[in-house]
Structure formats: C-alpha cells, structure tokens
C-alpha atoms as a PDB file:
ATOM      1  CA  MET A   1      99.940 -34.127  62.565  1.00  0.00           C
ATOM      2  CA  ILE A   2      99.926 -36.292  59.380  1.00  0.00           C
ATOM      3  CA  GLN A   3     103.516 -35.137  58.796  1.00  0.00           C
ATOM      4  CA  LEU A   4     104.493 -36.242  62.362  1.00  0.00           C
ATOM      5  CA  VAL A   5     102.978 -39.699  61.878  1.00  0.00           C
ATOM      6  CA  ALA A   6     104.700 -39.942  58.471  1.00  0.00           C
ATOM      7  CA  ASN A   7     107.988 -39.043  60.124  1.00  0.00           C
ATOM      8  CA  LEU A   8     107.557 -41.514  62.919  1.00  0.00           C
ATOM      9  CA  LEU A   9     106.812 -44.358  60.423  1.00  0.00           C
ATOM     10  CA  LYS A  10     109.719 -43.427  58.172  1.00  0.00           C
ATOM     11  CA  LEU A  11     111.873 -43.531  61.248  1.00  0.00           C
ATOM     12  CA  LEU A  12     110.586 -46.925  62.449  1.00  0.00           C
ATOM     13  CA  ASN A  13     111.051 -48.382  59.006  1.00  0.00           C
ATOM     14  CA  SER A  14     114.520 -47.061  58.612  1.00  0.00           C
ATOM     15  CA  GLU A  15     117.757 -49.128  58.968  1.00  0.00           C
ATOM     16  CA  ALA A  16     118.705 -47.435  62.284  1.00  0.00           C
ATOM     17  CA  GLU A  17     119.268 -49.608  65.263  1.00  0.00           C
ATOM     18  CA  PRO A  18     116.405 -49.762  67.727  1.00  0.00           C
ATOM     19  CA  ALA A  19     118.862 -48.887  70.594  1.00  0.00           C
ATOM     20  CA  GLN A  20     119.829 -45.596  68.678  1.00  0.00           C
ATOM     21  CA  ILE A  21     116.212 -44.664  68.307  1.00  0.00           C
ATOM     22  CA  SER A  22     115.317 -45.527  71.928  1.00  0.00           C
ATOM     23  CA  LEU A  23     118.255 -43.593  73.286  1.00  0.00           C
ATOM     24  CA  ALA A  24     117.396 -40.551  71.190  1.00  0.00           C
ATOM     25  CA  LEU A  25     113.754 -40.651  72.409  1.00  0.00           C
ATOM     26  CA  CYS A  26     114.908 -40.922  76.091  1.00  0.00           C
ATOM     27  CA  LEU A  27     117.406 -38.102  75.728  1.00  0.00           C
ATOM     28  CA  SER A  28     114.721 -35.984  74.121  1.00  0.00           C
ATOM     29  CA  MET A  29     112.485 -36.796  77.004  1.00  0.00           C
ATOM     30  CA  VAL A  30     114.940 -35.270  79.413  1.00  0.00           C
ATOM     31  CA  LEU A  31     115.325 -32.236  77.177  1.00  0.00           C
ATOM     32  CA  GLY A  32     111.641 -31.901  76.651  1.00  0.00           C
ATOM     33  CA  PHE A  33     110.456 -32.374  80.080  1.00  0.00           C
ATOM     34  CA  THR A  34     112.886 -29.841  81.662  1.00  0.00           C
ATOM     35  CA  PRO A  35     112.812 -26.047  80.904  1.00  0.00           C
ATOM     36  CA  LEU A  36     115.118 -25.364  77.992  1.00  0.00           C
ATOM     37  CA  PHE A  37     117.578 -22.933  79.474  1.00  0.00           C
ATOM     38  CA  SER A  38     119.159 -25.360  82.051  1.00  0.00           C
ATOM     39  CA  LEU A  39     122.734 -26.429  82.424  1.00  0.00           C
ATOM     40  CA  HIS A  40     121.890 -30.184  82.268  1.00  0.00           C
ATOM     41  CA  ASN A  41     120.259 -29.535  78.746  1.00  0.00           C
ATOM     42  CA  LEU A  42     123.644 -28.424  77.373  1.00  0.00           C
ATOM     43  CA  ILE A  43     124.941 -31.735  78.654  1.00  0.00           C
ATOM     44  CA  ILE A  44     122.155 -33.627  76.987  1.00  0.00           C
ATOM     45  CA  LEU A  45     122.855 -31.685  73.618  1.00  0.00           C
ATOM     46  CA  PHE A  46     126.549 -32.533  73.865  1.00  0.00           C
ATOM     47  CA  ALA A  47     125.607 -36.158  74.358  1.00  0.00           C
ATOM     48  CA  VAL A  48     123.425 -36.193  71.399  1.00  0.00           C
ATOM     49  CA  CYS A  49     126.328 -34.788  69.322  1.00  0.00           C
ATOM     50  CA  VAL A  50     128.886 -37.254  70.744  1.00  0.00           C
ATOM     51  CA  VAL A  51     126.975 -40.535  71.130  1.00  0.00           C
ATOM     52  CA  LYS A  52     125.464 -42.163  68.082  1.00  0.00           C
ATOM     53  CA  VAL A  53     121.800 -41.579  68.371  1.00  0.00           C
ATOM     54  CA  ASN A  54     119.139 -41.004  65.591  1.00  0.00           C
ATOM     55  CA  LEU A  55     118.899 -37.214  65.244  1.00  0.00           C
ATOM     56  CA  SER A  56     115.415 -37.421  63.625  1.00  0.00           C
ATOM     57  CA  ALA A  57     114.090 -39.419  66.615  1.00  0.00           C
ATOM     58  CA  PHE A  58     115.547 -37.047  69.028  1.00  0.00           C
ATOM     59  CA  LEU A  59     113.974 -33.996  67.270  1.00  0.00           C
ATOM     60  CA  LEU A  60     110.614 -35.736  67.011  1.00  0.00           C
ATOM     61  CA  GLY A  61     110.744 -36.962  70.558  1.00  0.00           C
ATOM     62  CA  TRP A  62     111.691 -33.395  71.758  1.00  0.00           C
ATOM     63  CA  ALA A  63     108.502 -31.975  70.144  1.00  0.00           C
ATOM     64  CA  VAL A  64     106.302 -34.673  71.613  1.00  0.00           C
ATOM     65  CA  PHE A  65     107.783 -34.636  75.122  1.00  0.00           C
ATOM     66  CA  SER A  66     107.715 -30.808  75.246  1.00  0.00           C
ATOM     67  CA  GLY A  67     103.880 -31.015  74.740  1.00  0.00           C
ATOM     68  CA  ILE A  68     103.666 -33.602  77.481  1.00  0.00           C
ATOM     69  CA  ALA A  69     105.650 -31.413  79.776  1.00  0.00           C
ATOM     70  CA  TRP A  70     103.343 -28.539  79.277  1.00  0.00           C
ATOM     71  CA  LEU A  71     100.638 -30.725  80.508  1.00  0.00           C
ATOM     72  CA  GLY A  72     102.714 -32.109  83.268  1.00  0.00           C
ATOM     73  CA  ASP A  73     104.195 -28.905  84.759  1.00  0.00           C
ATOM     74  CA  PRO A  74     101.741 -28.783  87.756  1.00  0.00           C
ATOM     75  CA  LEU A  75     102.757 -32.275  88.678  1.00  0.00           C
ATOM     76  CA  PHE A  76     106.622 -31.459  88.259  1.00  0.00           C
ATOM     77  CA  HIS A  77     106.096 -28.430  90.339  1.00  0.00           C
ATOM     78  CA  GLY A  78     104.509 -30.538  93.174  1.00  0.00           C
ATOM     79  CA  LEU A  79     107.305 -33.207  92.978  1.00  0.00           C
ATOM     80  CA  GLY A  80     110.056 -30.616  92.764  1.00  0.00           C
ATOM     81  CA  ASN A  81     108.633 -28.779  95.726  1.00  0.00           C
ATOM     82  CA  TRP A  82     108.546 -32.027  97.640  1.00  0.00           C
ATOM     83  CA  VAL A  83     112.144 -32.821  96.869  1.00  0.00           C
ATOM     84  CA  LEU A  84     113.450 -29.411  97.579  1.00  0.00           C
ATOM     85  CA  THR A  85     111.650 -29.176 100.992  1.00  0.00           C
ATOM     86  CA  LEU A  86     112.684 -32.575 102.335  1.00  0.00           C
ATOM     87  CA  PRO A  87     114.304 -31.845 105.683  1.00  0.00           C
ATOM     88  CA  ALA A  88     116.968 -34.652 105.205  1.00  0.00           C
ATOM     89  CA  LEU A  89     118.139 -32.976 101.931  1.00  0.00           C
ATOM     90  CA  GLU A  90     118.137 -29.254 103.255  1.00  0.00           C
ATOM     91  CA  GLY A  91     121.910 -29.168 103.952  1.00  0.00           C
ATOM     92  CA  LEU A  92     122.658 -30.760 100.444  1.00  0.00           C
ATOM     93  CA  TRP A  93     120.643 -28.026  98.685  1.00  0.00           C
ATOM     94  CA  THR A  94     122.117 -25.304 100.765  1.00  0.00           C
ATOM     95  CA  ALA A  95     125.707 -26.488  99.974  1.00  0.00           C
ATOM     96  CA  LEU A  96     124.906 -26.957  96.316  1.00  0.00           C
ATOM     97  CA  TYR A  97     123.337 -23.463  96.012  1.00  0.00           C
ATOM     98  CA  ASN A  98     126.468 -21.982  97.393  1.00  0.00           C
ATOM     99  CA  ILE A  99     128.289 -23.325  94.340  1.00  0.00           C
ATOM    100  CA  SER A 100     128.041 -21.006  91.319  1.00  0.00           C
ATOM    101  CA  LEU A 101     127.734 -23.845  88.878  1.00  0.00           C
ATOM    102  CA  PHE A 102     124.776 -25.275  90.652  1.00  0.00           C
ATOM    103  CA  ARG A 103     123.049 -21.879  90.712  1.00  0.00           C
ATOM    104  CA  LEU A 104     123.295 -21.924  86.943  1.00  0.00           C
ATOM    105  CA  ALA A 105     121.817 -25.310  86.860  1.00  0.00           C
ATOM    106  CA  ARG A 106     118.702 -23.747  88.409  1.00  0.00           C
ATOM    107  CA  PHE A 107     117.993 -26.849  90.556  1.00  0.00           C
ATOM    108  CA  ASN A 108     116.383 -24.615  93.240  1.00  0.00           C
ATOM    109  CA  ASN A 109     113.450 -24.068  90.703  1.00  0.00           C
ATOM    110  CA  THR A 110     110.650 -26.585  91.688  1.00  0.00           C
ATOM    111  CA  VAL A 111     109.696 -27.190  87.970  1.00  0.00           C
ATOM    112  CA  VAL A 112     113.186 -27.868  86.970  1.00  0.00           C
ATOM    113  CA  MET A 113     113.848 -30.215  89.904  1.00  0.00           C
ATOM    114  CA  GLY A 114     110.627 -32.033  89.528  1.00  0.00           C
ATOM    115  CA  SER A 115     110.825 -32.595  85.805  1.00  0.00           C
ATOM    116  CA  LEU A 116     114.505 -33.702  85.985  1.00  0.00           C
ATOM    117  CA  VAL A 117     113.682 -36.217  88.711  1.00  0.00           C
ATOM    118  CA  THR A 118     110.727 -37.509  86.665  1.00  0.00           C
ATOM    119  CA  ALA A 119     112.874 -37.684  83.531  1.00  0.00           C
ATOM    120  CA  LEU A 120     115.755 -39.574  85.272  1.00  0.00           C
ATOM    121  CA  VAL A 121     113.408 -42.009  86.992  1.00  0.00           C
ATOM    122  CA  LEU A 122     111.701 -42.695  83.649  1.00  0.00           C
ATOM    123  CA  PHE A 123     114.861 -42.846  81.623  1.00  0.00           C
ATOM    124  CA  VAL A 124     115.947 -46.587  81.856  1.00  0.00           C
ATOM    125  CA  PRO A 125     112.405 -48.048  81.899  1.00  0.00           C
ATOM    126  CA  LEU A 126     111.391 -46.102  78.783  1.00  0.00           C
ATOM    127  CA  LEU A 127     114.600 -47.000  77.126  1.00  0.00           C
ATOM    128  CA  LEU A 128     113.780 -50.702  77.557  1.00  0.00           C
ATOM    129  CA  VAL A 129     110.130 -50.125  76.626  1.00  0.00           C
ATOM    130  CA  PHE A 130     110.973 -48.166  73.390  1.00  0.00           C
ATOM    131  CA  ASN A 131     113.552 -50.803  72.360  1.00  0.00           C
ATOM    132  CA  ARG A 132     111.131 -53.603  72.845  1.00  0.00           C
ATOM    133  CA  LEU A 133     108.310 -51.736  71.119  1.00  0.00           C
ATOM    134  CA  ILE A 134     110.452 -50.868  68.045  1.00  0.00           C
ATOM    135  CA  THR A 135     111.845 -54.382  67.758  1.00  0.00           C
ATOM    136  CA  ALA A 136     108.333 -55.895  68.104  1.00  0.00           C
ATOM    137  CA  TYR A 137     107.038 -53.404  65.403  1.00  0.00           C
ATOM    138  CA  ARG A 138     109.767 -54.313  63.051  1.00  0.00           C
ATOM    139  CA  ASP A 139     109.585 -58.121  63.613  1.00  0.00           C
ATOM    140  CA  ASN A 140     105.823 -58.443  63.562  1.00  0.00           C
ATOM    141  CA  LEU A 141     103.779 -55.609  62.144  1.00  0.00           C
ATOM    142  CA  LEU A 142     106.252 -54.452  59.457  1.00  0.00           C
ATOM    143  CA  ALA A 143     106.695 -57.994  58.142  1.00  0.00           C
ATOM    144  CA  MET A 144     102.912 -58.533  58.053  1.00  0.00           C
ATOM    145  CA  VAL A 145     102.419 -55.173  56.167  1.00  0.00           C
ATOM    146  CA  ASN A 146     105.051 -55.995  53.654  1.00  0.00           C
ATOM    147  CA  LYS A 147     103.673 -59.309  52.859  1.00  0.00           C
ATOM    148  CA  SER A 148     100.131 -57.981  52.491  1.00  0.00           C
ATOM    149  CA  ARG A 149      98.533 -58.003  48.955  1.00  0.00           C
ATOM    150  CA  LEU A 150      97.928 -54.345  49.063  1.00  0.00           C
ATOM    151  CA  MET A 151     101.600 -53.494  49.633  1.00  0.00           C
ATOM    152  CA  GLN A 152     102.650 -55.895  46.900  1.00  0.00           C
ATOM    153  CA  ILE A 153     100.374 -54.001  44.565  1.00  0.00           C
ATOM    154  CA  PHE A 154     101.789 -50.690  45.760  1.00  0.00           C
ATOM    155  CA  LYS A 155     105.479 -51.788  45.456  1.00  0.00           C
ATOM    156  CA  ALA A 156     104.642 -52.754  41.744  1.00  0.00           C
ATOM    157  CA  SER A 157     103.462 -49.363  40.874  1.00  0.00           C
ATOM    158  CA  LYS A 158     105.262 -46.436  39.432  1.00  0.00           C
ATOM    159  CA  ILE A 159     104.459 -44.414  42.445  1.00  0.00           C
ATOM    160  CA  TYR A 160     106.570 -46.556  44.613  1.00  0.00           C
ATOM    161  CA  ASP A 161     109.501 -46.167  42.101  1.00  0.00           C
ATOM    162  CA  VAL A 162     109.195 -42.359  42.455  1.00  0.00           C
ATOM    163  CA  TYR A 163     109.050 -42.811  46.292  1.00  0.00           C
ATOM    164  CA  LYS A 164     112.221 -44.880  46.268  1.00  0.00           C
ATOM    165  CA  ALA A 165     113.961 -42.382  43.994  1.00  0.00           C
ATOM    166  CA  LEU A 166     113.176 -39.490  46.397  1.00  0.00           C
ATOM    167  CA  ALA A 167     113.926 -41.542  49.515  1.00  0.00           C
END
C-alpha cells in the first residue's frame, strides 16, 4: 500500500501532462471495470500503445479499478441485465449476436455489458475531474509543500542528493 501511494505521488509530481495521466486513468478504468478477456479490451490496449498516455498511470489505475470492479460486479450485473432485457433493444442484440465478431466481444454477458456501460458513462466526466484534480494538486498543494521549511531542509540534505541521483 505504501508503494502504491509512493508511485501515485511520484506520478503526480512528474513532468507528464495532466491530460496524459487523466486519459491513462480513464482508459485503465474501462480495462479494470470490464472482464479482462473481452474484445474491447484489446482495443483499449491498442489505444494505450498508440496514443501518448502515461503508462505508469495506466498500470496503477488498472490495479485500482480492478479492485473497485470486484466490489461493483453485482451492480454491473444488474445494469447489464437491465440493458440486455430492454424490449426496445431486443432486435439490436439479436442482430449483433448473429455477427461472429460481436459474439467474441461477449456483449451478451450481463457483467460485461453493465461494466462497459458504466465505464463509458463515467469516461468523460472522470477525464475532466482527474485533469482538474491533477492541475489543482500541482498548482496549490505541490507548491505549498515545496515552499515549506521541512522540504527546504530535506532538499539541502545528502539523502535528497541520493534520491535525485536514483530518480
């Protein structure tokens, strides 16, 4: 747990753009919420490789959102069941299921459907929230910590020199 917090602080204090970190966290949310062996997760992994996102944030977010998904699976099942049994969408699901590619996507699974719908609904709002939080952290809290007397003493120590050499 301490290592996770240390990695998060290292990531937030890095020179990476807030948008890269936010996008990585949102893509990791989609991957973490949905079951791993789904076709759309291959698309997410491809997007992570092609688009410039922070890989550390992606891996950290994937671990965190996988844990959240484990707790949210009953809710995802309920939402997926509701979406898949809507009478207005019955023809769409039947037509898609008759296409082999969509059978591989496993959208007929209630947990896959519910978690994917949840992740897609939360994607843009969380992207904006994460971006704002990272920017606020860097502008306010990080500047305040760097100006503190304790941090000035730490930066003058030999321990900080060793840390900078390793970083």
